C-alpha atoms as a PDB file:
ATOM      1  CA  MET A   1       0.103   0.123  -0.106  1.00  0.00           C
ATOM      2  CA  ILE A   2       1.556   3.337  -0.881  1.00  0.00           C
ATOM      3  CA  SER A   3       0.324   6.047   1.583  1.00  0.00           C
ATOM      4  CA  LEU A   4       0.012  10.044   1.164  1.00  0.00           C
ATOM      5  CA  LYS A   5       2.028  11.984   3.838  1.00  0.00           C
ATOM      6  CA  LYS A   6       1.381  15.807   4.195  1.00  0.00           C
ATOM      7  CA  LYS A   7       4.246  17.949   3.776  1.00  0.00           C
ATOM      8  CA  SER A   8       4.607  21.218   6.004  1.00  0.00           C
ATOM      9  CA  ARG A   9       6.121  23.803   3.368  1.00  0.00           C
ATOM     10  CA  VAL A  10       3.732  24.943   1.004  1.00  0.00           C
ATOM     11  CA  VAL A  11       4.410  25.288  -2.913  1.00  0.00           C
ATOM     12  CA  GLY A  12       0.962  25.578  -4.776  1.00  0.00           C
ATOM     13  CA  ARG A  13       0.500  25.864  -8.199  1.00  0.00           C
ATOM     14  CA  PHE A  14      -2.040  26.853 -11.056  1.00  0.00           C
ATOM     15  CA  ALA A  15      -1.420  24.596 -14.509  1.00  0.00           C
ATOM     16  CA  PRO A  16      -3.632  25.970 -17.126  1.00  0.00           C
ATOM     17  CA  SER A  17      -3.945  24.252 -20.491  1.00  0.00           C
ATOM     18  CA  PRO A  18      -3.725  27.262 -23.424  1.00  0.00           C
ATOM     19  CA  THR A  19      -6.746  26.003 -25.528  1.00  0.00           C
ATOM     20  CA  GLY A  20      -8.627  29.617 -25.412  1.00  0.00           C
ATOM     21  CA  PRO A  21      -9.507  32.372 -22.465  1.00  0.00           C
ATOM     22  CA  LEU A  22      -9.619  31.483 -18.912  1.00  0.00           C
ATOM     23  CA  HIS A  23     -13.097  30.273 -18.185  1.00  0.00           C
ATOM     24  CA  PHE A  24     -14.981  30.141 -14.861  1.00  0.00           C
ATOM     25  CA  GLY A  25     -14.014  26.695 -14.087  1.00  0.00           C
ATOM     26  CA  SER A  26     -10.243  27.617 -14.375  1.00  0.00           C
ATOM     27  CA  LEU A  27     -10.637  30.736 -12.461  1.00  0.00           C
ATOM     28  CA  VAL A  28     -12.135  28.536  -9.346  1.00  0.00           C
ATOM     29  CA  ALA A  29      -9.090  26.353  -9.469  1.00  0.00           C
ATOM     30  CA  ALA A  30      -6.560  29.021 -10.190  1.00  0.00           C
ATOM     31  CA  LEU A  31      -8.525  31.118  -6.958  1.00  0.00           C
ATOM     32  CA  GLY A  32      -8.539  28.046  -4.711  1.00  0.00           C
ATOM     33  CA  SER A  33      -4.871  27.291  -4.965  1.00  0.00           C
ATOM     34  CA  TYR A  34      -3.803  31.190  -4.570  1.00  0.00           C
ATOM     35  CA  CYS A  35      -5.925  31.683  -1.698  1.00  0.00           C
ATOM     36  CA  LEU A  36      -4.519  28.375   0.166  1.00  0.00           C
ATOM     37  CA  ALA A  37      -0.766  29.043  -0.553  1.00  0.00           C
ATOM     38  CA  ARG A  38      -0.660  32.689   0.291  1.00  0.00           C
ATOM     39  CA  GLN A  39      -2.797  32.118   3.438  1.00  0.00           C
ATOM     40  CA  ALA A  40       0.028  29.876   4.660  1.00  0.00           C
ATOM     41  CA  GLY A  41       2.809  32.189   3.610  1.00  0.00           C
ATOM     42  CA  GLY A  42       3.705  30.179   0.898  1.00  0.00           C
ATOM     43  CA  ARG A  43       4.604  30.459  -2.771  1.00  0.00           C
ATOM     44  CA  TRP A  44       2.494  30.338  -5.977  1.00  0.00           C
ATOM     45  CA  LEU A  45       3.496  29.204  -9.338  1.00  0.00           C
ATOM     46  CA  VAL A  46       2.133  29.065 -12.745  1.00  0.00           C
ATOM     47  CA  ARG A  47       3.011  26.266 -15.077  1.00  0.00           C
ATOM     48  CA  ILE A  48       1.555  26.299 -19.139  1.00  0.00           C
ATOM     49  CA  GLU A  49       0.483  22.800 -19.941  1.00  0.00           C
ATOM     50  CA  ASP A  50       1.114  22.959 -23.827  1.00  0.00           C
ATOM     51  CA  LEU A  51       2.535  19.576 -24.464  1.00  0.00           C
ATOM     52  CA  ASP A  52      -0.508  18.438 -26.531  1.00  0.00           C
ATOM     53  CA  THR A  53       0.175  21.049 -29.322  1.00  0.00           C
ATOM     54  CA  LEU A  54      -2.686  20.246 -31.849  1.00  0.00           C
ATOM     55  CA  ARG A  55      -5.240  21.191 -28.692  1.00  0.00           C
ATOM     56  CA  VAL A  56      -3.021  24.899 -28.302  1.00  0.00           C
ATOM     57  CA  VAL A  57      -4.834  28.243 -29.605  1.00  0.00           C
ATOM     58  CA  PRO A  58      -2.138  30.533 -30.454  1.00  0.00           C
ATOM     59  CA  GLY A  59      -1.831  33.369 -28.280  1.00  0.00           C
ATOM     60  CA  ALA A  60      -4.225  31.559 -25.394  1.00  0.00           C
ATOM     61  CA  ALA A  61      -1.338  31.491 -23.034  1.00  0.00           C
ATOM     62  CA  ASP A  62      -0.426  34.876 -23.366  1.00  0.00           C
ATOM     63  CA  GLU A  63      -4.189  35.933 -22.261  1.00  0.00           C
ATOM     64  CA  ILE A  64      -4.390  33.745 -19.771  1.00  0.00           C
ATOM     65  CA  LEU A  65      -1.552  34.946 -17.883  1.00  0.00           C
ATOM     66  CA  ARG A  66      -2.752  38.833 -18.575  1.00  0.00           C
ATOM     67  CA  THR A  67      -5.877  37.823 -17.374  1.00  0.00           C
ATOM     68  CA  LEU A  68      -4.612  36.293 -14.162  1.00  0.00           C
ATOM     69  CA  GLU A  69      -2.227  39.810 -13.902  1.00  0.00           C
ATOM     70  CA  ALA A  70      -5.592  41.617 -13.973  1.00  0.00           C
ATOM     71  CA  PHE A  71      -7.139  39.371 -10.790  1.00  0.00           C
ATOM     72  CA  GLY A  72      -4.079  40.399  -9.055  1.00  0.00           C
ATOM     73  CA  MET A  73      -3.003  36.472  -9.301  1.00  0.00           C
ATOM     74  CA  THR A  74       1.131  36.832  -9.304  1.00  0.00           C
ATOM     75  CA  TRP A  75       3.308  33.947  -9.408  1.00  0.00           C
ATOM     76  CA  ASP A  76       6.799  33.905  -7.484  1.00  0.00           C
ATOM     77  CA  GLU A  77       9.053  32.233 -10.320  1.00  0.00           C
ATOM     78  CA  PRO A  78       9.121  32.527 -14.172  1.00  0.00           C
ATOM     79  CA  VAL A  79       5.940  30.636 -15.606  1.00  0.00           C
ATOM     80  CA  VAL A  80       6.918  27.257 -16.511  1.00  0.00           C
ATOM     81  CA  TYR A  81       5.949  25.755 -20.421  1.00  0.00           C
ATOM     82  CA  GLN A  82       5.740  22.225 -20.334  1.00  0.00           C
ATOM     83  CA  SER A  83       6.780  22.322 -24.207  1.00  0.00           C
ATOM     84  CA  ARG A  84       9.962  23.364 -23.486  1.00  0.00           C
ATOM     85  CA  ARG A  85      10.611  20.581 -21.252  1.00  0.00           C
ATOM     86  CA  THR A  86      10.634  17.469 -22.665  1.00  0.00           C
ATOM     87  CA  ASP A  87      14.331  16.281 -22.095  1.00  0.00           C
ATOM     88  CA  ARG A  88      13.013  16.570 -18.461  1.00  0.00           C
ATOM     89  CA  TYR A  89      10.344  14.187 -19.232  1.00  0.00           C
ATOM     90  CA  GLN A  90      12.650  12.008 -21.211  1.00  0.00           C
ATOM     91  CA  ALA A  91      15.017  11.665 -18.523  1.00  0.00           C
ATOM     92  CA  ALA A  92      12.303  10.716 -16.023  1.00  0.00           C
ATOM     93  CA  LEU A  93      11.049   8.111 -18.976  1.00  0.00           C
ATOM     94  CA  GLU A  94      14.771   6.288 -18.872  1.00  0.00           C
ATOM     95  CA  GLN A  95      14.924   6.244 -15.445  1.00  0.00           C
ATOM     96  CA  LEU A  96      11.691   4.287 -15.277  1.00  0.00           C
ATOM     97  CA  GLN A  97      13.022   2.198 -18.116  1.00  0.00           C
ATOM     98  CA  ARG A  98      16.144   1.362 -16.294  1.00  0.00           C
ATOM     99  CA  ALA A  99      14.192  -0.071 -13.322  1.00  0.00           C
ATOM    100  CA  GLY A 100      12.453  -2.433 -15.921  1.00  0.00           C
ATOM    101  CA  LEU A 101       9.149  -0.417 -15.723  1.00  0.00           C
ATOM    102  CA  VAL A 102       8.164   0.531 -18.924  1.00  0.00           C
ATOM    103  CA  PHE A 103       7.286  -1.871 -21.422  1.00  0.00           C
ATOM    104  CA  ALA A 104       6.510  -0.826 -25.581  1.00  0.00           C
ATOM    105  CA  CYS A 105       2.991  -1.539 -26.681  1.00  0.00           C
ATOM    106  CA  GLY A 106       1.987  -2.114 -30.182  1.00  0.00           C
ATOM    107  CA  CYS A 107      -1.843  -1.730 -29.473  1.00  0.00           C
ATOM    108  CA  THR A 108      -4.122   1.073 -30.952  1.00  0.00           C
ATOM    109  CA  ARG A 109      -7.040   2.252 -29.359  1.00  0.00           C
ATOM    110  CA  LYS A 110      -9.377   0.445 -31.414  1.00  0.00           C
ATOM    111  CA  GLU A 111      -7.191  -2.754 -30.350  1.00  0.00           C
ATOM    112  CA  VAL A 112      -7.447  -2.012 -26.772  1.00  0.00           C
ATOM    113  CA  LEU A 113     -11.134  -0.979 -26.774  1.00  0.00           C
ATOM    114  CA  ALA A 114     -11.855  -4.297 -28.413  1.00  0.00           C
ATOM    115  CA  SER A 115     -10.007  -6.617 -26.107  1.00  0.00           C
ATOM    116  CA  ALA A 116     -10.501  -4.643 -22.523  1.00  0.00           C
ATOM    117  CA  PRO A 117     -12.129  -7.146 -20.024  1.00  0.00           C
ATOM    118  CA  HIS A 118     -14.091  -3.802 -18.911  1.00  0.00           C
ATOM    119  CA  VAL A 119     -14.630  -0.310 -19.054  1.00  0.00           C
ATOM    120  CA  GLY A 120     -12.786   1.652 -16.391  1.00  0.00           C
ATOM    121  CA  GLU A 121     -13.665   5.484 -14.607  1.00  0.00           C
ATOM    122  CA  GLU A 122     -11.522   6.715 -17.496  1.00  0.00           C
ATOM    123  CA  GLY A 123     -12.285   4.331 -20.729  1.00  0.00           C
ATOM    124  CA  PRO A 124     -11.203   0.986 -21.232  1.00  0.00           C
ATOM    125  CA  VAL A 125      -8.548  -0.675 -18.827  1.00  0.00           C
ATOM    126  CA  TYR A 126      -5.583  -1.754 -20.815  1.00  0.00           C
ATOM    127  CA  PRO A 127      -5.460  -5.844 -20.661  1.00  0.00           C
ATOM    128  CA  GLY A 128      -1.812  -6.267 -20.581  1.00  0.00           C
ATOM    129  CA  THR A 129      -1.324  -7.406 -24.474  1.00  0.00           C
ATOM    130  CA  CYS A 130       1.641  -6.496 -24.841  1.00  0.00           C
ATOM    131  CA  ARG A 131       3.176  -6.626 -21.274  1.00  0.00           C
ATOM    132  CA  ALA A 132       5.337  -9.838 -21.920  1.00  0.00           C
ATOM    133  CA  GLY A 133       6.737  -8.392 -25.439  1.00  0.00           C
ATOM    134  CA  LEU A 134       5.157  -7.412 -28.446  1.00  0.00           C
ATOM    135  CA  GLY A 135       3.802 -10.188 -30.694  1.00  0.00           C
ATOM    136  CA  GLU A 136       5.538 -11.343 -33.811  1.00  0.00           C
ATOM    137  CA  GLY A 137       4.979  -8.654 -36.709  1.00  0.00           C
ATOM    138  CA  ARG A 138       4.122  -5.901 -34.452  1.00  0.00           C
ATOM    139  CA  ARG A 139       5.721  -2.681 -34.152  1.00  0.00           C
ATOM    140  CA  PRO A 140       6.041  -0.365 -30.938  1.00  0.00           C
ATOM    141  CA  ARG A 141       3.853   2.503 -30.864  1.00  0.00           C
ATOM    142  CA  ALA A 142       2.986   3.794 -27.140  1.00  0.00           C
ATOM    143  CA  LEU A 143       5.139   3.196 -23.845  1.00  0.00           C
ATOM    144  CA  ARG A 144       3.484   2.059 -20.893  1.00  0.00           C
ATOM    145  CA  ILE A 145       4.260   1.630 -17.428  1.00  0.00           C
ATOM    146  CA  ARG A 146       3.618  -1.601 -15.459  1.00  0.00           C
ATOM    147  CA  VAL A 147       1.225  -1.202 -12.754  1.00  0.00           C
ATOM    148  CA  PRO A 148       1.250  -2.922  -9.108  1.00  0.00           C
ATOM    149  CA  GLN A 149      -1.760  -4.943  -7.724  1.00  0.00           C
ATOM    150  CA  ASP A 150      -1.315  -2.807  -4.675  1.00  0.00           C
ATOM    151  CA  ARG A 151      -3.995  -0.159  -3.428  1.00  0.00           C
ATOM    152  CA  ILE A 152      -2.984   3.462  -3.848  1.00  0.00           C
ATOM    153  CA  CYS A 153      -4.199   5.459  -0.955  1.00  0.00           C
ATOM    154  CA  PHE A 154      -4.316   8.919  -0.095  1.00  0.00           C
ATOM    155  CA  VAL A 155      -6.503  11.366   1.444  1.00  0.00           C
ATOM    156  CA  ASP A 156      -7.777  14.252  -0.255  1.00  0.00           C
ATOM    157  CA  GLY A 157      -8.407  17.877   1.045  1.00  0.00           C
ATOM    158  CA  VAL A 158     -11.930  17.741   0.374  1.00  0.00           C
ATOM    159  CA  PHE A 159     -13.266  14.499  -0.827  1.00  0.00           C
ATOM    160  CA  GLY A 160     -11.565  12.668   1.996  1.00  0.00           C
ATOM    161  CA  ALA A 161      -9.732   8.830   1.986  1.00  0.00           C
ATOM    162  CA  GLN A 162      -9.600   7.527  -1.450  1.00  0.00           C
ATOM    163  CA  GLU A 163      -8.013   4.142  -2.925  1.00  0.00           C
ATOM    164  CA  GLN A 164      -7.331   2.911  -6.267  1.00  0.00           C
ATOM    165  CA  ARG A 165      -6.194  -0.618  -7.456  1.00  0.00           C
ATOM    166  CA  LEU A 166      -4.489   0.752 -10.958  1.00  0.00           C
ATOM    167  CA  GLU A 167      -4.307  -2.619 -12.260  1.00  0.00           C
ATOM    168  CA  SER A 168      -8.467  -3.029 -12.268  1.00  0.00           C
ATOM    169  CA  VAL A 169      -9.175   0.670 -12.864  1.00  0.00           C
ATOM    170  CA  VAL A 170      -7.199   1.380 -15.883  1.00  0.00           C
ATOM    171  CA  GLY A 171      -4.023  -1.229 -16.333  1.00  0.00           C
ATOM    172  CA  ASP A 172      -0.697  -0.553 -17.751  1.00  0.00           C
ATOM    173  CA  PHE A 173      -1.024   3.260 -18.484  1.00  0.00           C
ATOM    174  CA  VAL A 174       0.835   5.252 -21.279  1.00  0.00           C
ATOM    175  CA  LEU A 175       3.516   7.424 -20.476  1.00  0.00           C
ATOM    176  CA  ARG A 176       4.958   8.293 -24.044  1.00  0.00           C
ATOM    177  CA  ARG A 177       1.857   8.237 -27.069  1.00  0.00           C
ATOM    178  CA  ALA A 178       2.308   6.739 -30.287  1.00  0.00           C
ATOM    179  CA  ASP A 179       2.280  10.179 -31.400  1.00  0.00           C
ATOM    180  CA  GLY A 180       5.559  10.828 -29.627  1.00  0.00           C
ATOM    181  CA  LEU A 181       4.127  13.050 -27.224  1.00  0.00           C
ATOM    182  CA  PHE A 182       4.482  12.606 -23.290  1.00  0.00           C
ATOM    183  CA  ALA A 183       1.453  11.949 -21.163  1.00  0.00           C
ATOM    184  CA  TYR A 184       0.213  14.093 -18.785  1.00  0.00           C
ATOM    185  CA  GLN A 185       0.654  11.972 -16.215  1.00  0.00           C
ATOM    186  CA  LEU A 186       4.477  11.526 -16.428  1.00  0.00           C
ATOM    187  CA  ALA A 187       4.788  15.606 -17.353  1.00  0.00           C
ATOM    188  CA  VAL A 188       2.325  16.625 -14.397  1.00  0.00           C
ATOM    189  CA  VAL A 189       4.591  14.546 -12.084  1.00  0.00           C
ATOM    190  CA  VAL A 190       7.805  15.565 -13.013  1.00  0.00           C
ATOM    191  CA  ASP A 191       6.922  19.303 -13.263  1.00  0.00           C
ATOM    192  CA  ASP A 192       5.479  19.276  -9.631  1.00  0.00           C
ATOM    193  CA  ALA A 193       8.656  17.576  -8.165  1.00  0.00           C
ATOM    194  CA  GLU A 194      11.186  20.036  -9.805  1.00  0.00           C
ATOM    195  CA  SER A 195       9.079  22.705  -8.892  1.00  0.00           C
ATOM    196  CA  GLY A 196       9.033  21.656  -5.571  1.00  0.00           C
ATOM    197  CA  VAL A 197       5.215  21.639  -5.696  1.00  0.00           C
ATOM    198  CA  ASN A 198       3.665  19.835  -2.580  1.00  0.00           C
ATOM    199  CA  GLN A 199       0.342  21.403  -2.417  1.00  0.00           C
ATOM    200  CA  VAL A 200      -2.022  20.536  -5.701  1.00  0.00           C
ATOM    201  CA  VAL A 201      -5.228  22.193  -5.851  1.00  0.00           C
ATOM    202  CA  ARG A 202      -7.158  21.527  -8.857  1.00  0.00           C
ATOM    203  CA  GLY A 203     -10.666  20.378 -10.279  1.00  0.00           C
ATOM    204  CA  ALA A 204     -12.136  17.166  -9.193  1.00  0.00           C
ATOM    205  CA  ASP A 205     -12.149  16.032 -12.808  1.00  0.00           C
ATOM    206  CA  LEU A 206      -8.728  14.876 -11.810  1.00  0.00           C
ATOM    207  CA  LEU A 207      -9.266  12.995  -8.316  1.00  0.00           C
ATOM    208  CA  THR A 208      -9.388   9.700 -10.222  1.00  0.00           C
ATOM    209  CA  SER A 209      -5.922  10.474 -11.995  1.00  0.00           C
ATOM    210  CA  THR A 210      -3.836  11.024  -8.567  1.00  0.00           C
ATOM    211  CA  PRO A 211      -3.357   7.268  -8.017  1.00  0.00           C
ATOM    212  CA  ARG A 212      -1.544   7.200 -11.299  1.00  0.00           C
ATOM    213  CA  GLN A 213       0.439  10.188 -10.158  1.00  0.00           C
ATOM    214  CA  ILE A 214       1.190   9.147  -6.575  1.00  0.00           C
ATOM    215  CA  TYR A 215       2.427   5.489  -8.239  1.00  0.00           C
ATOM    216  CA  LEU A 216       4.730   7.767 -10.427  1.00  0.00           C
ATOM    217  CA  GLN A 217       6.296   9.839  -7.679  1.00  0.00           C
ATOM    218  CA  ALA A 218       7.221   6.651  -5.774  1.00  0.00           C
ATOM    219  CA  CYS A 219       8.860   5.013  -8.875  1.00  0.00           C
ATOM    220  CA  LEU A 220      11.060   8.037  -9.244  1.00  0.00           C
ATOM    221  CA  GLY A 221      11.713   8.560  -5.676  1.00  0.00           C
ATOM    222  CA  TYR A 222       9.651  11.928  -5.861  1.00  0.00           C
ATOM    223  CA  PRO A 223       8.041  13.219  -2.395  1.00  0.00           C
ATOM    224  CA  LEU A 224       4.388  12.868  -2.512  1.00  0.00           C
ATOM    225  CA  PRO A 225       2.329  16.559  -2.220  1.00  0.00           C
ATOM    226  CA  GLU A 226      -0.919  17.204  -0.213  1.00  0.00           C
ATOM    227  CA  TYR A 227      -3.988  16.827  -2.591  1.00  0.00           C
ATOM    228  CA  ILE A 228      -7.233  19.343  -2.417  1.00  0.00           C
ATOM    229  CA  HIS A 229      -9.618  18.483  -5.394  1.00  0.00           C
ATOM    230  CA  LEU A 230     -11.897  21.497  -5.343  1.00  0.00           C
ATOM    231  CA  PRO A 231     -15.721  20.817  -6.526  1.00  0.00           C
ATOM    232  CA  LEU A 232     -15.903  20.972 -10.159  1.00  0.00           C
ATOM    233  CA  ALA A 233     -17.446  24.065 -11.896  1.00  0.00           C
ATOM    234  CA  LEU A 234     -20.634  22.539 -14.491  1.00  0.00           C
ATOM    235  CA  ALA A 235     -22.066  24.398 -17.639  1.00  0.00           C
ATOM    236  CA  PRO A 236     -25.987  24.921 -17.460  1.00  0.00           C
ATOM    237  CA  GLY A 237     -26.078  21.245 -19.106  1.00  0.00           C
ATOM    238  CA  GLY A 238     -24.167  19.639 -16.679  1.00  0.00           C
ATOM    239  CA  GLU A 239     -21.258  18.968 -18.191  1.00  0.00           C
ATOM    240  CA  LYS A 240     -17.635  20.243 -17.542  1.00  0.00           C
ATOM    241  CA  ILE A 241     -17.080  24.299 -18.253  1.00  0.00           C
ATOM    242  CA  SER A 242     -14.561  24.384 -21.320  1.00  0.00           C
ATOM    243  CA  THR A 243     -13.049  27.020 -23.872  1.00  0.00           C
ATOM    244  CA  ARG A 244     -16.182  26.239 -25.887  1.00  0.00           C
ATOM    245  CA  HIS A 245     -18.648  27.676 -23.258  1.00  0.00           C
ATOM    246  CA  GLY A 246     -17.530  31.196 -24.523  1.00  0.00           C
ATOM    247  CA  GLY A 247     -20.508  32.477 -22.025  1.00  0.00           C
ATOM    248  CA  LEU A 248     -18.575  31.500 -18.903  1.00  0.00           C
ATOM    249  CA  ALA A 249     -15.255  33.437 -20.129  1.00  0.00           C
ATOM    250  CA  VAL A 250     -13.999  35.630 -17.078  1.00  0.00           C
ATOM    251  CA  GLY A 251     -12.070  38.522 -17.476  1.00  0.00           C
ATOM    252  CA  ALA A 252     -13.120  42.343 -18.476  1.00  0.00           C
ATOM    253  CA  ALA A 253     -16.666  42.038 -19.696  1.00  0.00           C
ATOM    254  CA  SER A 254     -18.102  40.948 -16.172  1.00  0.00           C
ATOM    255  CA  GLY A 255     -15.212  42.867 -14.138  1.00  0.00           C
ATOM    256  CA  ALA A 256     -12.284  41.109 -12.372  1.00  0.00           C
ATOM    257  CA  GLY A 257     -13.946  41.689  -8.591  1.00  0.00           C
ATOM    258  CA  GLN A 258     -17.093  40.652  -9.409  1.00  0.00           C
ATOM    259  CA  ASP A 259     -15.824  37.131 -11.218  1.00  0.00           C
ATOM    260  CA  LEU A 260     -13.813  36.419  -8.030  1.00  0.00           C
ATOM    261  CA  TRP A 261     -16.643  36.741  -5.792  1.00  0.00           C
ATOM    262  CA  ARG A 262     -18.794  34.871  -7.998  1.00  0.00           C
ATOM    263  CA  ALA A 263     -15.848  32.197  -7.960  1.00  0.00           C
ATOM    264  CA  LEU A 264     -15.507  32.399  -4.087  1.00  0.00           C
ATOM    265  CA  ARG A 265     -19.510  31.848  -3.394  1.00  0.00           C
ATOM    266  CA  PHE A 266     -19.016  29.046  -5.781  1.00  0.00           C
ATOM    267  CA  LEU A 267     -16.510  27.818  -3.164  1.00  0.00           C
ATOM    268  CA  GLY A 268     -19.163  28.195  -0.963  1.00  0.00           C
ATOM    269  CA  GLN A 269     -16.832  31.064   1.034  1.00  0.00           C
ATOM    270  CA  SER A 270     -19.277  33.455   3.042  1.00  0.00           C
ATOM    271  CA  VAL A 271     -17.774  36.524   0.934  1.00  0.00           C
ATOM    272  CA  PRO A 272     -19.667  39.576   1.979  1.00  0.00           C
ATOM    273  CA  ASP A 273     -22.738  40.952  -0.543  1.00  0.00           C
ATOM    274  CA  GLY A 274     -21.138  44.165   0.004  1.00  0.00           C
ATOM    275  CA  LEU A 275     -17.742  43.024  -2.022  1.00  0.00           C
ATOM    276  CA  GLN A 276     -19.399  42.145  -5.198  1.00  0.00           C
ATOM    277  CA  ASN A 277     -18.489  45.246  -6.928  1.00  0.00           C
ATOM    278  CA  SER A 278     -15.429  45.684  -5.226  1.00  0.00           C
ATOM    279  CA  CYS A 279     -12.031  45.769  -7.102  1.00  0.00           C
ATOM    280  CA  ALA A 280     -10.374  42.411  -7.773  1.00  0.00           C
ATOM    281  CA  ALA A 281      -7.654  43.479  -5.169  1.00  0.00           C
ATOM    282  CA  GLU A 282      -9.790  43.935  -2.123  1.00  0.00           C
ATOM    283  CA  VAL A 283     -12.122  40.563  -3.092  1.00  0.00           C
ATOM    284  CA  LEU A 284      -8.775  38.741  -3.545  1.00  0.00           C
ATOM    285  CA  ALA A 285      -7.422  40.067  -0.353  1.00  0.00           C
ATOM    286  CA  TRP A 286     -10.458  39.100   1.565  1.00  0.00           C
ATOM    287  CA  GLY A 287     -10.367  35.357  -0.026  1.00  0.00           C
ATOM    288  CA  VAL A 288      -6.711  34.960   1.180  1.00  0.00           C
ATOM    289  CA  LYS A 289      -7.425  36.073   4.562  1.00  0.00           C
ATOM    290  CA  ASN A 290     -10.783  33.810   5.006  1.00  0.00           C
ATOM    291  CA  PHE A 291     -10.695  31.059   2.718  1.00  0.00           C
ATOM    292  CA  SER A 292     -11.591  27.881   4.642  1.00  0.00           C
ATOM    293  CA  LEU A 293     -11.633  24.234   3.262  1.00  0.00           C
ATOM    294  CA  GLU A 294     -14.232  23.583   5.698  1.00  0.00           C
ATOM    295  CA  ARG A 295     -16.493  25.605   3.629  1.00  0.00           C
ATOM    296  CA  LEU A 296     -15.947  24.106   0.539  1.00  0.00           C
ATOM    297  CA  PRO A 297     -18.910  22.035  -1.176  1.00  0.00           C
ATOM    298  CA  SER A 298     -17.884  18.443  -1.439  1.00  0.00           C
ATOM    299  CA  ARG A 299     -19.684  17.381  -4.730  1.00  0.00           C
ATOM    300  CA  SER A 300     -19.748  19.440  -8.129  1.00  0.00           C
ATOM    301  CA  ARG A 301     -21.867  22.295  -8.446  1.00  0.00           C
ATOM    302  CA  VAL A 302     -23.628  24.035 -11.737  1.00  0.00           C
ATOM    303  CA  ALA A 303     -21.576  27.476 -12.045  1.00  0.00           C
ATOM    304  CA  ALA A 304     -23.856  29.188 -14.407  1.00  0.00           C
ATOM    305  CA  ASP A 305     -27.336  30.557 -13.211  1.00  0.00           C
END
């Protein structure tokens, strides 16, 4: 069993993908991570997760950074861009290869779907087809990591005790994709460890990814951060907010202070009505001083009225 140990020194982060302007769901994650890090007297970092170049929108990263600055959320170190760190992901991959944990997989997604024993929380569970080696005539595509039968256990700051058996929920998962891109799970683990991040505050949609990341941290000898998964902001139709929900973008249209007030209210914080039309600096200062995990709703909620 792998268990999570809480660290005392706080380094938080916000890690958006530059697929469009900052939306309400991302603001919720940024605000929660910022308030908790600053409240503890810690540092707050920003990382741009731009590995998947096909999804990156030109200019979106700069727009996101300008929006954060307009909200008064300033970062303590230069912004990290994942697209500039592939050498670090390669080094981590090679470390795992030397440990005998990585194997080449020749399966297409269609083949995995057809042969998976069952569908897990995030799609088909990899059945281990190539674990013992590639079949005759098959070429390597992705690189996967062998997962254990052990339970991965941790305590989330909002959702409480969690456990997952990787073998039955996701199977051996991908570290480098067939197109040569490094997978999110590997990149985020390397980035957090090398930046000293020990408090990961993000949306609840990533809660089930956490056991994979804890396993990779253990394999690479990295310290384990504290995890806090915030309730997920949903669009009126019930789906997760994304950049296609243009009406839920944040910024100059509605006013930075009002957007921060809405985000704090969404997170269950008792921000006074009188601050609704205040400037961003005043609302943010209230959030840093008064933010409380105990007030967080423990389930997803609809963001837009």
